[in-house]
N, C-alpha and C. Protein backbone atom coordinates (compact mmCIF):
# COMPACT_ATOMS: atom_id res chain seq x y z
N MET A 1 23.26 -18.39 -12.32
CA MET A 1 23.53 -17.58 -11.14
C MET A 1 23.18 -18.37 -9.89
N THR A 2 24.07 -18.32 -8.91
CA THR A 2 23.87 -19.03 -7.66
C THR A 2 23.18 -18.10 -6.65
N ILE A 3 22.11 -18.60 -6.07
CA ILE A 3 21.35 -17.83 -5.07
C ILE A 3 21.61 -18.49 -3.72
N SER A 4 22.08 -17.69 -2.75
CA SER A 4 22.40 -18.25 -1.43
C SER A 4 21.12 -18.55 -0.66
N SER A 5 21.21 -19.53 0.22
CA SER A 5 20.05 -19.90 1.04
C SER A 5 19.68 -18.75 1.98
N GLU A 6 20.66 -17.94 2.36
CA GLU A 6 20.39 -16.79 3.24
C GLU A 6 19.52 -15.77 2.51
N THR A 7 19.80 -15.53 1.23
CA THR A 7 19.00 -14.59 0.43
C THR A 7 17.58 -15.11 0.26
N VAL A 8 17.44 -16.41 0.02
CA VAL A 8 16.12 -17.03 -0.11
C VAL A 8 15.35 -16.87 1.20
N LYS A 9 16.06 -17.09 2.32
CA LYS A 9 15.43 -16.98 3.64
C LYS A 9 14.93 -15.56 3.89
N ILE A 10 15.73 -14.56 3.52
CA ILE A 10 15.34 -13.15 3.71
C ILE A 10 14.09 -12.84 2.89
N LEU A 11 14.07 -13.29 1.63
CA LEU A 11 12.90 -13.05 0.77
C LEU A 11 11.67 -13.78 1.30
N ARG A 12 11.87 -14.98 1.79
CA ARG A 12 10.76 -15.77 2.35
C ARG A 12 10.16 -15.06 3.56
N GLU A 13 11.03 -14.55 4.45
CA GLU A 13 10.54 -13.84 5.64
C GLU A 13 9.82 -12.55 5.25
N LYS A 14 10.31 -11.91 4.20
CA LYS A 14 9.73 -10.65 3.75
C LYS A 14 8.37 -10.84 3.10
N THR A 15 8.21 -11.95 2.35
CA THR A 15 6.99 -12.13 1.55
C THR A 15 6.07 -13.23 2.03
N GLY A 16 6.61 -14.21 2.77
CA GLY A 16 5.80 -15.35 3.19
C GLY A 16 5.60 -16.37 2.09
N ALA A 17 6.26 -16.19 0.95
CA ALA A 17 6.13 -17.14 -0.17
C ALA A 17 6.93 -18.40 0.12
N GLY A 18 6.65 -19.47 -0.63
CA GLY A 18 7.35 -20.73 -0.45
C GLY A 18 8.81 -20.63 -0.87
N ILE A 19 9.62 -21.55 -0.36
CA ILE A 19 11.06 -21.54 -0.62
C ILE A 19 11.35 -21.61 -2.12
N MET A 20 10.71 -22.55 -2.82
CA MET A 20 10.97 -22.71 -4.25
C MET A 20 10.51 -21.49 -5.05
N ASP A 21 9.39 -20.89 -4.65
CA ASP A 21 8.92 -19.68 -5.32
C ASP A 21 9.92 -18.54 -5.12
N CYS A 22 10.46 -18.41 -3.90
CA CYS A 22 11.45 -17.37 -3.61
C CYS A 22 12.70 -17.58 -4.44
N LYS A 23 13.18 -18.82 -4.48
CA LYS A 23 14.39 -19.13 -5.23
C LYS A 23 14.19 -18.84 -6.71
N SER A 24 13.05 -19.23 -7.25
CA SER A 24 12.73 -18.99 -8.66
C SER A 24 12.65 -17.50 -8.96
N ALA A 25 12.00 -16.74 -8.08
CA ALA A 25 11.87 -15.29 -8.28
C ALA A 25 13.23 -14.61 -8.22
N LEU A 26 14.09 -15.05 -7.31
CA LEU A 26 15.44 -14.47 -7.22
C LEU A 26 16.26 -14.78 -8.46
N LYS A 27 16.13 -15.98 -8.99
CA LYS A 27 16.85 -16.33 -10.22
C LYS A 27 16.33 -15.47 -11.38
N GLU A 28 15.00 -15.34 -11.45
CA GLU A 28 14.41 -14.56 -12.54
C GLU A 28 14.81 -13.09 -12.47
N SER A 29 14.98 -12.56 -11.24
CA SER A 29 15.35 -11.15 -11.07
C SER A 29 16.87 -10.97 -10.99
N LYS A 30 17.62 -12.05 -11.23
CA LYS A 30 19.09 -12.03 -11.18
C LYS A 30 19.62 -11.56 -9.82
N GLY A 31 18.95 -12.01 -8.76
CA GLY A 31 19.39 -11.72 -7.40
C GLY A 31 18.89 -10.41 -6.81
N ASP A 32 18.13 -9.63 -7.58
CA ASP A 32 17.61 -8.35 -7.10
C ASP A 32 16.40 -8.60 -6.18
N MET A 33 16.54 -8.23 -4.91
CA MET A 33 15.51 -8.49 -3.91
C MET A 33 14.19 -7.80 -4.25
N GLU A 34 14.24 -6.50 -4.60
CA GLU A 34 13.01 -5.77 -4.93
C GLU A 34 12.34 -6.34 -6.19
N GLY A 35 13.16 -6.71 -7.16
CA GLY A 35 12.64 -7.32 -8.38
C GLY A 35 11.95 -8.64 -8.07
N ALA A 36 12.56 -9.42 -7.16
CA ALA A 36 11.97 -10.71 -6.77
C ALA A 36 10.64 -10.51 -6.07
N VAL A 37 10.55 -9.47 -5.22
CA VAL A 37 9.29 -9.16 -4.53
C VAL A 37 8.21 -8.84 -5.56
N LYS A 38 8.56 -8.04 -6.58
CA LYS A 38 7.59 -7.69 -7.64
C LYS A 38 7.13 -8.94 -8.39
N ILE A 39 8.07 -9.82 -8.68
CA ILE A 39 7.73 -11.06 -9.38
C ILE A 39 6.77 -11.90 -8.55
N LEU A 40 7.06 -12.02 -7.25
CA LEU A 40 6.17 -12.80 -6.37
C LEU A 40 4.80 -12.15 -6.26
N ARG A 41 4.74 -10.82 -6.22
CA ARG A 41 3.45 -10.12 -6.19
C ARG A 41 2.66 -10.42 -7.45
N GLN A 42 3.36 -10.38 -8.59
CA GLN A 42 2.69 -10.67 -9.86
C GLN A 42 2.14 -12.09 -9.87
N LYS A 43 2.92 -13.04 -9.33
CA LYS A 43 2.45 -14.43 -9.25
C LYS A 43 1.23 -14.51 -8.34
N GLY A 44 1.24 -13.70 -7.28
CA GLY A 44 0.08 -13.65 -6.39
C GLY A 44 -1.15 -13.17 -7.12
N ILE A 45 -0.98 -12.18 -7.98
CA ILE A 45 -2.10 -11.67 -8.76
C ILE A 45 -2.58 -12.75 -9.72
N GLU A 46 -1.63 -13.47 -10.35
CA GLU A 46 -2.01 -14.55 -11.26
C GLU A 46 -2.76 -15.64 -10.53
N THR A 47 -2.28 -16.01 -9.34
CA THR A 47 -2.94 -17.03 -8.54
C THR A 47 -4.35 -16.56 -8.17
N ALA A 48 -4.46 -15.29 -7.77
CA ALA A 48 -5.76 -14.74 -7.38
C ALA A 48 -6.76 -14.82 -8.53
N SER A 49 -6.33 -14.47 -9.74
CA SER A 49 -7.27 -14.49 -10.86
C SER A 49 -7.67 -15.92 -11.23
N LYS A 50 -6.75 -16.88 -11.06
CA LYS A 50 -7.08 -18.28 -11.35
C LYS A 50 -8.07 -18.83 -10.33
N ARG A 51 -7.96 -18.38 -9.08
CA ARG A 51 -8.80 -18.91 -8.01
C ARG A 51 -10.12 -18.16 -7.86
N ALA A 52 -10.28 -17.03 -8.52
CA ALA A 52 -11.45 -16.16 -8.32
C ALA A 52 -12.78 -16.85 -8.57
N SER A 53 -12.82 -17.85 -9.44
CA SER A 53 -14.09 -18.51 -9.74
C SER A 53 -14.49 -19.55 -8.69
N LYS A 54 -13.58 -19.90 -7.80
CA LYS A 54 -13.88 -20.90 -6.76
C LYS A 54 -14.76 -20.28 -5.68
N ALA A 55 -15.72 -21.06 -5.19
CA ALA A 55 -16.63 -20.58 -4.14
C ALA A 55 -15.88 -20.40 -2.83
N ALA A 56 -16.06 -19.22 -2.24
CA ALA A 56 -15.43 -18.94 -0.95
C ALA A 56 -16.53 -18.77 0.08
N ASN A 57 -16.96 -19.90 0.67
CA ASN A 57 -18.05 -19.82 1.64
C ASN A 57 -17.66 -20.33 3.02
N GLN A 58 -16.36 -20.37 3.29
CA GLN A 58 -15.84 -20.60 4.63
C GLN A 58 -15.17 -19.29 5.05
N GLY A 59 -14.70 -19.22 6.28
CA GLY A 59 -13.98 -18.01 6.67
C GLY A 59 -14.11 -17.67 8.13
N ILE A 60 -13.86 -16.39 8.42
CA ILE A 60 -13.89 -15.91 9.81
C ILE A 60 -14.50 -14.51 9.86
N ILE A 61 -14.91 -14.16 11.05
CA ILE A 61 -15.24 -12.77 11.37
C ILE A 61 -14.08 -12.29 12.24
N ALA A 62 -13.29 -11.38 11.72
CA ALA A 62 -12.16 -10.84 12.48
C ALA A 62 -12.62 -9.57 13.18
N SER A 63 -12.01 -9.30 14.32
CA SER A 63 -12.41 -8.10 15.06
C SER A 63 -11.19 -7.34 15.55
N TYR A 64 -11.42 -6.07 15.80
CA TYR A 64 -10.37 -5.23 16.37
C TYR A 64 -11.05 -4.16 17.21
N VAL A 65 -10.58 -3.97 18.42
CA VAL A 65 -11.07 -2.88 19.28
C VAL A 65 -9.85 -2.04 19.63
N HIS A 66 -9.93 -0.75 19.32
CA HIS A 66 -8.80 0.14 19.58
C HIS A 66 -8.55 0.26 21.08
N MET A 67 -7.30 0.57 21.42
CA MET A 67 -6.86 0.56 22.82
C MET A 67 -7.77 1.32 23.78
N ASP A 68 -8.30 2.46 23.36
CA ASP A 68 -9.15 3.24 24.25
C ASP A 68 -10.61 2.78 24.22
N SER A 69 -10.88 1.69 23.51
CA SER A 69 -12.22 1.10 23.39
C SER A 69 -13.26 2.07 22.83
N ARG A 70 -12.81 2.99 22.00
CA ARG A 70 -13.74 3.94 21.38
C ARG A 70 -14.02 3.61 19.92
N ILE A 71 -13.23 2.71 19.35
CA ILE A 71 -13.44 2.26 17.96
C ILE A 71 -13.40 0.75 17.94
N GLY A 72 -14.37 0.13 17.28
CA GLY A 72 -14.41 -1.31 17.13
C GLY A 72 -14.77 -1.68 15.70
N VAL A 73 -14.20 -2.78 15.21
CA VAL A 73 -14.42 -3.20 13.82
C VAL A 73 -14.69 -4.70 13.77
N LEU A 74 -15.62 -5.09 12.90
CA LEU A 74 -15.86 -6.49 12.54
C LEU A 74 -15.70 -6.61 11.03
N VAL A 75 -14.96 -7.63 10.59
CA VAL A 75 -14.71 -7.85 9.16
C VAL A 75 -14.99 -9.31 8.82
N GLU A 76 -15.76 -9.55 7.76
CA GLU A 76 -15.97 -10.91 7.29
C GLU A 76 -15.00 -11.20 6.15
N ILE A 77 -14.18 -12.24 6.36
CA ILE A 77 -13.22 -12.65 5.34
C ILE A 77 -13.51 -14.10 4.99
N ASN A 78 -13.69 -14.36 3.69
CA ASN A 78 -14.07 -15.69 3.22
C ASN A 78 -12.93 -16.39 2.50
N CYS A 79 -12.95 -17.74 2.57
CA CYS A 79 -12.00 -18.58 1.84
C CYS A 79 -12.75 -19.83 1.41
N GLU A 80 -12.04 -20.74 0.75
CA GLU A 80 -12.69 -21.93 0.21
C GLU A 80 -12.87 -23.05 1.23
N THR A 81 -11.92 -23.21 2.16
CA THR A 81 -11.97 -24.34 3.09
C THR A 81 -11.82 -23.91 4.54
N ASP A 82 -12.38 -24.73 5.41
CA ASP A 82 -12.25 -24.50 6.84
C ASP A 82 -10.79 -24.63 7.29
N PHE A 83 -10.04 -25.48 6.60
CA PHE A 83 -8.62 -25.67 6.92
C PHE A 83 -7.86 -24.34 6.82
N VAL A 84 -8.06 -23.61 5.72
CA VAL A 84 -7.40 -22.32 5.54
C VAL A 84 -7.94 -21.30 6.54
N ALA A 85 -9.25 -21.34 6.81
CA ALA A 85 -9.85 -20.38 7.75
C ALA A 85 -9.23 -20.49 9.14
N ARG A 86 -8.72 -21.67 9.48
CA ARG A 86 -8.13 -21.88 10.80
C ARG A 86 -6.62 -21.61 10.85
N CYS A 87 -5.98 -21.38 9.69
CA CYS A 87 -4.52 -21.19 9.70
C CYS A 87 -4.15 -19.79 10.18
N ASP A 88 -2.96 -19.69 10.77
CA ASP A 88 -2.50 -18.43 11.36
C ASP A 88 -2.38 -17.30 10.34
N ASP A 89 -1.90 -17.62 9.13
CA ASP A 89 -1.75 -16.58 8.11
C ASP A 89 -3.10 -15.94 7.79
N PHE A 90 -4.14 -16.75 7.69
CA PHE A 90 -5.47 -16.24 7.38
C PHE A 90 -5.99 -15.38 8.54
N LYS A 91 -5.83 -15.88 9.77
CA LYS A 91 -6.30 -15.13 10.94
C LYS A 91 -5.55 -13.81 11.10
N ASN A 92 -4.23 -13.84 10.85
CA ASN A 92 -3.44 -12.61 10.94
C ASN A 92 -3.85 -11.60 9.88
N PHE A 93 -4.18 -12.11 8.69
CA PHE A 93 -4.68 -11.23 7.64
C PHE A 93 -5.98 -10.56 8.10
N GLY A 94 -6.86 -11.33 8.72
CA GLY A 94 -8.11 -10.78 9.25
C GLY A 94 -7.87 -9.68 10.26
N LYS A 95 -6.90 -9.89 11.15
CA LYS A 95 -6.56 -8.85 12.14
C LYS A 95 -6.02 -7.61 11.45
N ASP A 96 -5.16 -7.82 10.45
CA ASP A 96 -4.60 -6.68 9.70
C ASP A 96 -5.71 -5.86 9.06
N VAL A 97 -6.66 -6.54 8.44
CA VAL A 97 -7.74 -5.83 7.73
C VAL A 97 -8.63 -5.09 8.74
N ALA A 98 -8.94 -5.73 9.86
CA ALA A 98 -9.77 -5.07 10.88
C ALA A 98 -9.06 -3.82 11.41
N MET A 99 -7.76 -3.93 11.64
CA MET A 99 -6.99 -2.78 12.12
C MET A 99 -6.95 -1.68 11.05
N GLN A 100 -6.84 -2.07 9.80
CA GLN A 100 -6.85 -1.11 8.69
C GLN A 100 -8.16 -0.33 8.67
N VAL A 101 -9.27 -1.04 8.81
CA VAL A 101 -10.58 -0.38 8.80
C VAL A 101 -10.70 0.58 9.98
N ALA A 102 -10.19 0.18 11.14
CA ALA A 102 -10.24 1.06 12.32
C ALA A 102 -9.43 2.33 12.08
N ALA A 103 -8.25 2.18 11.50
CA ALA A 103 -7.34 3.32 11.31
C ALA A 103 -7.74 4.22 10.14
N SER A 104 -8.16 3.61 9.02
CA SER A 104 -8.35 4.38 7.79
C SER A 104 -9.81 4.70 7.46
N ASN A 105 -10.73 4.08 8.15
CA ASN A 105 -12.16 4.37 8.01
C ASN A 105 -12.65 4.39 6.55
N PRO A 106 -12.44 3.30 5.81
CA PRO A 106 -12.96 3.26 4.44
C PRO A 106 -14.48 3.18 4.44
N CYS A 107 -15.10 3.49 3.31
CA CYS A 107 -16.55 3.41 3.20
C CYS A 107 -17.00 2.16 2.45
N TYR A 108 -16.13 1.65 1.56
CA TYR A 108 -16.48 0.53 0.70
C TYR A 108 -15.33 -0.47 0.66
N VAL A 109 -15.63 -1.70 0.29
CA VAL A 109 -14.57 -2.70 0.12
C VAL A 109 -13.84 -2.44 -1.20
N THR A 110 -14.59 -2.27 -2.29
CA THR A 110 -13.99 -2.04 -3.61
C THR A 110 -14.64 -0.83 -4.28
N ARG A 111 -14.03 -0.35 -5.36
CA ARG A 111 -14.60 0.79 -6.09
C ARG A 111 -15.93 0.43 -6.75
N GLU A 112 -16.16 -0.86 -7.01
CA GLU A 112 -17.43 -1.27 -7.59
C GLU A 112 -18.60 -1.00 -6.65
N GLY A 113 -18.33 -0.88 -5.35
CA GLY A 113 -19.38 -0.61 -4.37
C GLY A 113 -19.80 0.85 -4.32
N VAL A 114 -19.01 1.75 -4.90
CA VAL A 114 -19.33 3.18 -4.88
C VAL A 114 -20.43 3.44 -5.91
N SER A 115 -21.45 4.19 -5.49
CA SER A 115 -22.58 4.44 -6.41
C SER A 115 -22.13 5.31 -7.59
N LYS A 116 -22.76 5.07 -8.73
CA LYS A 116 -22.42 5.83 -9.94
C LYS A 116 -22.70 7.31 -9.75
N ASP A 117 -23.74 7.63 -8.96
CA ASP A 117 -24.06 9.03 -8.71
C ASP A 117 -22.93 9.73 -7.97
N ASP A 118 -22.37 9.05 -6.95
CA ASP A 118 -21.25 9.63 -6.19
C ASP A 118 -20.03 9.84 -7.09
N VAL A 119 -19.77 8.87 -7.96
CA VAL A 119 -18.63 8.98 -8.88
C VAL A 119 -18.83 10.15 -9.83
N GLU A 120 -20.04 10.28 -10.38
CA GLU A 120 -20.34 11.39 -11.31
C GLU A 120 -20.19 12.74 -10.62
N LYS A 121 -20.66 12.85 -9.37
CA LYS A 121 -20.52 14.10 -8.62
C LYS A 121 -19.06 14.46 -8.43
N GLU A 122 -18.25 13.47 -8.06
CA GLU A 122 -16.81 13.72 -7.88
C GLU A 122 -16.18 14.17 -9.19
N LEU A 123 -16.49 13.46 -10.28
CA LEU A 123 -15.92 13.82 -11.58
C LEU A 123 -16.30 15.24 -12.00
N GLU A 124 -17.55 15.64 -11.74
CA GLU A 124 -17.98 17.00 -12.08
C GLU A 124 -17.15 18.03 -11.34
N VAL A 125 -16.91 17.78 -10.05
CA VAL A 125 -16.11 18.71 -9.24
C VAL A 125 -14.69 18.80 -9.80
N TYR A 126 -14.09 17.65 -10.10
CA TYR A 126 -12.71 17.63 -10.60
C TYR A 126 -12.59 18.30 -11.96
N LYS A 127 -13.58 18.07 -12.82
CA LYS A 127 -13.55 18.71 -14.14
C LYS A 127 -13.72 20.22 -14.01
N ALA A 128 -14.58 20.66 -13.09
CA ALA A 128 -14.78 22.09 -12.87
C ALA A 128 -13.50 22.74 -12.33
N GLN A 129 -12.74 22.01 -11.55
CA GLN A 129 -11.50 22.55 -10.99
C GLN A 129 -10.43 22.77 -12.06
N SER A 130 -10.55 22.07 -13.18
CA SER A 130 -9.53 22.22 -14.23
C SER A 130 -10.15 22.65 -15.56
N MET A 131 -11.16 23.53 -15.49
CA MET A 131 -11.85 24.00 -16.69
C MET A 131 -10.94 24.83 -17.59
N ASP A 132 -9.92 25.46 -17.01
CA ASP A 132 -9.02 26.30 -17.80
C ASP A 132 -8.02 25.49 -18.64
N LYS A 133 -8.02 24.18 -18.47
CA LYS A 133 -7.10 23.30 -19.20
C LYS A 133 -7.79 22.75 -20.45
N PRO A 134 -7.01 22.28 -21.43
CA PRO A 134 -7.62 21.61 -22.59
C PRO A 134 -8.42 20.38 -22.13
N ALA A 135 -9.45 20.02 -22.89
CA ALA A 135 -10.37 18.96 -22.48
C ALA A 135 -9.67 17.64 -22.17
N HIS A 136 -8.72 17.22 -23.03
CA HIS A 136 -8.05 15.94 -22.79
C HIS A 136 -7.17 15.98 -21.52
N VAL A 137 -6.60 17.15 -21.23
CA VAL A 137 -5.80 17.31 -20.00
C VAL A 137 -6.71 17.31 -18.78
N ALA A 138 -7.82 18.04 -18.88
CA ALA A 138 -8.79 18.09 -17.77
C ALA A 138 -9.32 16.70 -17.45
N GLU A 139 -9.54 15.89 -18.50
CA GLU A 139 -10.03 14.52 -18.30
C GLU A 139 -9.01 13.68 -17.54
N LYS A 140 -7.73 13.81 -17.91
CA LYS A 140 -6.67 13.06 -17.22
C LYS A 140 -6.52 13.49 -15.77
N ILE A 141 -6.61 14.79 -15.54
CA ILE A 141 -6.52 15.32 -14.17
C ILE A 141 -7.68 14.79 -13.34
N ALA A 142 -8.88 14.84 -13.91
CA ALA A 142 -10.07 14.35 -13.20
C ALA A 142 -9.94 12.87 -12.88
N GLN A 143 -9.43 12.07 -13.82
CA GLN A 143 -9.27 10.64 -13.59
C GLN A 143 -8.24 10.38 -12.49
N GLY A 144 -7.16 11.15 -12.49
CA GLY A 144 -6.14 11.02 -11.44
C GLY A 144 -6.71 11.33 -10.06
N LYS A 145 -7.51 12.39 -9.99
CA LYS A 145 -8.13 12.76 -8.72
C LYS A 145 -9.16 11.72 -8.29
N LEU A 146 -9.86 11.15 -9.27
CA LEU A 146 -10.84 10.10 -8.95
C LEU A 146 -10.15 8.87 -8.38
N ASP A 147 -9.00 8.50 -8.96
CA ASP A 147 -8.23 7.37 -8.43
C ASP A 147 -7.80 7.64 -6.99
N LYS A 148 -7.40 8.87 -6.70
CA LYS A 148 -7.01 9.24 -5.34
C LYS A 148 -8.22 9.17 -4.40
N PHE A 149 -9.38 9.60 -4.90
CA PHE A 149 -10.63 9.53 -4.15
C PHE A 149 -10.92 8.07 -3.78
N TYR A 150 -10.79 7.15 -4.76
CA TYR A 150 -11.02 5.73 -4.50
C TYR A 150 -10.04 5.19 -3.45
N SER A 151 -8.78 5.61 -3.52
CA SER A 151 -7.80 5.08 -2.57
C SER A 151 -8.06 5.57 -1.15
N GLY A 152 -8.86 6.61 -1.01
CA GLY A 152 -9.23 7.09 0.32
C GLY A 152 -10.44 6.37 0.89
N ILE A 153 -11.40 5.99 0.02
CA ILE A 153 -12.65 5.44 0.53
C ILE A 153 -12.84 3.94 0.30
N CYS A 154 -11.99 3.34 -0.55
CA CYS A 154 -12.13 1.91 -0.87
C CYS A 154 -11.02 1.11 -0.18
N LEU A 155 -11.41 0.22 0.69
CA LEU A 155 -10.47 -0.57 1.48
C LEU A 155 -9.39 -1.23 0.63
N MET A 156 -9.77 -1.88 -0.46
CA MET A 156 -8.81 -2.63 -1.28
C MET A 156 -7.75 -1.74 -1.91
N GLU A 157 -8.03 -0.45 -2.07
CA GLU A 157 -7.08 0.45 -2.73
C GLU A 157 -6.26 1.28 -1.75
N GLN A 158 -6.55 1.16 -0.46
CA GLN A 158 -5.81 1.93 0.53
C GLN A 158 -4.41 1.36 0.74
N PRO A 159 -3.43 2.23 0.99
CA PRO A 159 -2.11 1.73 1.37
C PRO A 159 -2.23 0.98 2.70
N PHE A 160 -1.60 -0.16 2.80
CA PHE A 160 -1.63 -0.98 4.00
C PHE A 160 -0.90 -0.25 5.12
N ILE A 161 -1.55 -0.05 6.26
CA ILE A 161 -0.97 0.78 7.33
C ILE A 161 0.35 0.23 7.87
N ARG A 162 0.55 -1.07 7.80
CA ARG A 162 1.80 -1.65 8.31
C ARG A 162 2.92 -1.64 7.28
N GLU A 163 2.55 -1.52 6.00
CA GLU A 163 3.54 -1.50 4.92
C GLU A 163 2.98 -0.64 3.79
N PRO A 164 3.09 0.70 3.92
CA PRO A 164 2.43 1.62 2.99
C PRO A 164 2.83 1.50 1.52
N LYS A 165 3.89 0.76 1.20
CA LYS A 165 4.29 0.61 -0.20
C LYS A 165 3.34 -0.33 -0.95
N ILE A 166 2.53 -1.09 -0.22
CA ILE A 166 1.58 -2.00 -0.85
C ILE A 166 0.16 -1.62 -0.45
N THR A 167 -0.80 -2.05 -1.26
CA THR A 167 -2.21 -1.80 -0.93
C THR A 167 -2.79 -3.03 -0.23
N ILE A 168 -3.99 -2.89 0.26
CA ILE A 168 -4.69 -4.03 0.85
C ILE A 168 -4.91 -5.11 -0.22
N ALA A 169 -5.16 -4.71 -1.46
CA ALA A 169 -5.32 -5.68 -2.55
C ALA A 169 -4.03 -6.49 -2.73
N ASP A 170 -2.87 -5.82 -2.66
CA ASP A 170 -1.58 -6.53 -2.76
C ASP A 170 -1.41 -7.52 -1.60
N HIS A 171 -1.79 -7.07 -0.41
CA HIS A 171 -1.69 -7.92 0.78
C HIS A 171 -2.59 -9.15 0.63
N LEU A 172 -3.80 -8.93 0.10
CA LEU A 172 -4.73 -10.03 -0.15
C LEU A 172 -4.16 -11.00 -1.19
N ASN A 173 -3.61 -10.47 -2.27
CA ASN A 173 -3.05 -11.33 -3.32
C ASN A 173 -1.88 -12.16 -2.80
N ALA A 174 -1.08 -11.59 -1.91
CA ALA A 174 0.03 -12.34 -1.31
C ALA A 174 -0.51 -13.50 -0.47
N LEU A 175 -1.60 -13.25 0.26
CA LEU A 175 -2.22 -14.33 1.05
C LEU A 175 -2.78 -15.42 0.13
N ILE A 176 -3.46 -15.02 -0.94
CA ILE A 176 -4.01 -15.99 -1.89
C ILE A 176 -2.90 -16.86 -2.47
N SER A 177 -1.79 -16.22 -2.81
CA SER A 177 -0.66 -16.96 -3.35
C SER A 177 -0.11 -17.95 -2.34
N LYS A 178 -0.08 -17.53 -1.09
CA LYS A 178 0.49 -18.37 -0.03
C LYS A 178 -0.41 -19.56 0.31
N VAL A 179 -1.72 -19.31 0.45
CA VAL A 179 -2.62 -20.39 0.88
C VAL A 179 -3.19 -21.19 -0.29
N GLY A 180 -3.10 -20.63 -1.51
CA GLY A 180 -3.56 -21.34 -2.69
C GLY A 180 -5.07 -21.48 -2.80
N GLU A 181 -5.79 -20.54 -2.19
CA GLU A 181 -7.26 -20.57 -2.26
C GLU A 181 -7.78 -19.17 -2.59
N ASN A 182 -9.02 -19.13 -3.07
CA ASN A 182 -9.70 -17.86 -3.26
C ASN A 182 -10.02 -17.29 -1.89
N VAL A 183 -9.61 -16.06 -1.65
CA VAL A 183 -9.89 -15.37 -0.39
C VAL A 183 -10.51 -14.03 -0.76
N SER A 184 -11.54 -13.63 -0.04
CA SER A 184 -12.15 -12.33 -0.32
C SER A 184 -12.57 -11.65 0.96
N ILE A 185 -12.50 -10.33 0.92
CA ILE A 185 -13.02 -9.52 2.02
C ILE A 185 -14.46 -9.21 1.64
N LYS A 186 -15.39 -9.79 2.39
CA LYS A 186 -16.81 -9.70 2.03
C LYS A 186 -17.42 -8.37 2.46
N ARG A 187 -17.23 -8.00 3.72
CA ARG A 187 -17.84 -6.78 4.25
C ARG A 187 -17.21 -6.42 5.58
N PHE A 188 -17.48 -5.21 6.03
CA PHE A 188 -16.98 -4.77 7.33
C PHE A 188 -17.96 -3.78 7.94
N VAL A 189 -17.86 -3.62 9.24
CA VAL A 189 -18.61 -2.59 9.93
C VAL A 189 -17.68 -1.96 10.97
N ARG A 190 -17.73 -0.65 11.08
CA ARG A 190 -16.85 0.09 11.99
C ARG A 190 -17.73 0.91 12.93
N TYR A 191 -17.49 0.75 14.22
CA TYR A 191 -18.23 1.51 15.22
C TYR A 191 -17.28 2.49 15.89
N GLN A 192 -17.78 3.70 16.13
CA GLN A 192 -16.98 4.69 16.86
C GLN A 192 -17.89 5.41 17.85
N ILE A 193 -17.44 5.49 19.08
CA ILE A 193 -18.23 6.15 20.13
C ILE A 193 -18.51 7.61 19.71
N GLY A 194 -19.77 8.01 19.86
CA GLY A 194 -20.17 9.38 19.57
C GLY A 194 -20.50 9.64 18.10
N GLU A 195 -20.33 8.63 17.26
CA GLU A 195 -20.62 8.79 15.83
C GLU A 195 -22.12 8.71 15.62
N GLU A 196 -22.61 9.53 14.71
CA GLU A 196 -24.05 9.50 14.39
C GLU A 196 -24.40 8.19 13.72
N ILE A 197 -25.53 7.61 14.09
CA ILE A 197 -25.97 6.33 13.50
C ILE A 197 -26.97 6.62 12.41
């Protein structure tokens, strides 16, 4: 199957992946643009898992202050080299994450940061809400609600505000695939005027 350079260019602009990766993904998906995007995302996940063991002790502190200056965010994003920390893609990712934190107000970076006590309390509530159902059904309902709970409070699981079809984790994996280094969101802090400290 012949893939036009225009199609490769469109996929490249959409995903930020390399030309050869785009061409390969389009061939694998038989020219289907959405299929190619999924393939590239999967490759990003594969790249991320391969790079996860590498030390990420370089990076930036990204910031965002909302237009009315009532909300401000600082986010620490780490990578392996100073070279990547200075590239535009990395800096833009930092701005995206800071803006996400300002808009969505997550409490944790990942679900692993949520205390077991909080998770147990949520599960108890969800199970109590579906007590009239069979136990195996109630368990599935509770797990589904727990996943929704995580997507509200965990930054990595939130839909990306600029492209809600993907999560912040997907956005991170795309960056890892593009820069070829381990990248991680270490921590964030969000300030809002009038909020209790």
